């Protein structure tokens, strides 16, 4: 449950960074005030945000190539940042099982997005996953 809350806090921080150009540390610190995370959860949140920021160009290119017919800037802010976290986990975090990264992204999308967000995120991540295992 701590990692789910950490992902939610990371989403909120990345949303702030994306929409209002908040600074990374400022956004994370603010997002953490809304969640009751232990030290490990806080560290995981910071790692997700830092990882997405450090690898954003490659992550965004990956999202663009898998979100057929969708320009990155046309994606809803919530979905775009959920996908950024998920692709960061899939591409750079060998300690997180692929199925866990995808399932967590879908659940966060259901909680924070609209009625179709979970299916949309699952479709993109599912296609990506299937292509890796051919």
Foldseek 3Di string as FASTA:
>chain_A
DLQLLLLLLLLQLQLCCVPVVDDNVVSSVVSVVVDDHDPVSSVSSSCLNVLLVVCVVVLQVLLCVLLPPDHLVNDDSSLSSLSSSLVSCVPPPPPADNVRSQVSSLVSCCVPHDPCSSVSSNRSSVVVVVVVVD
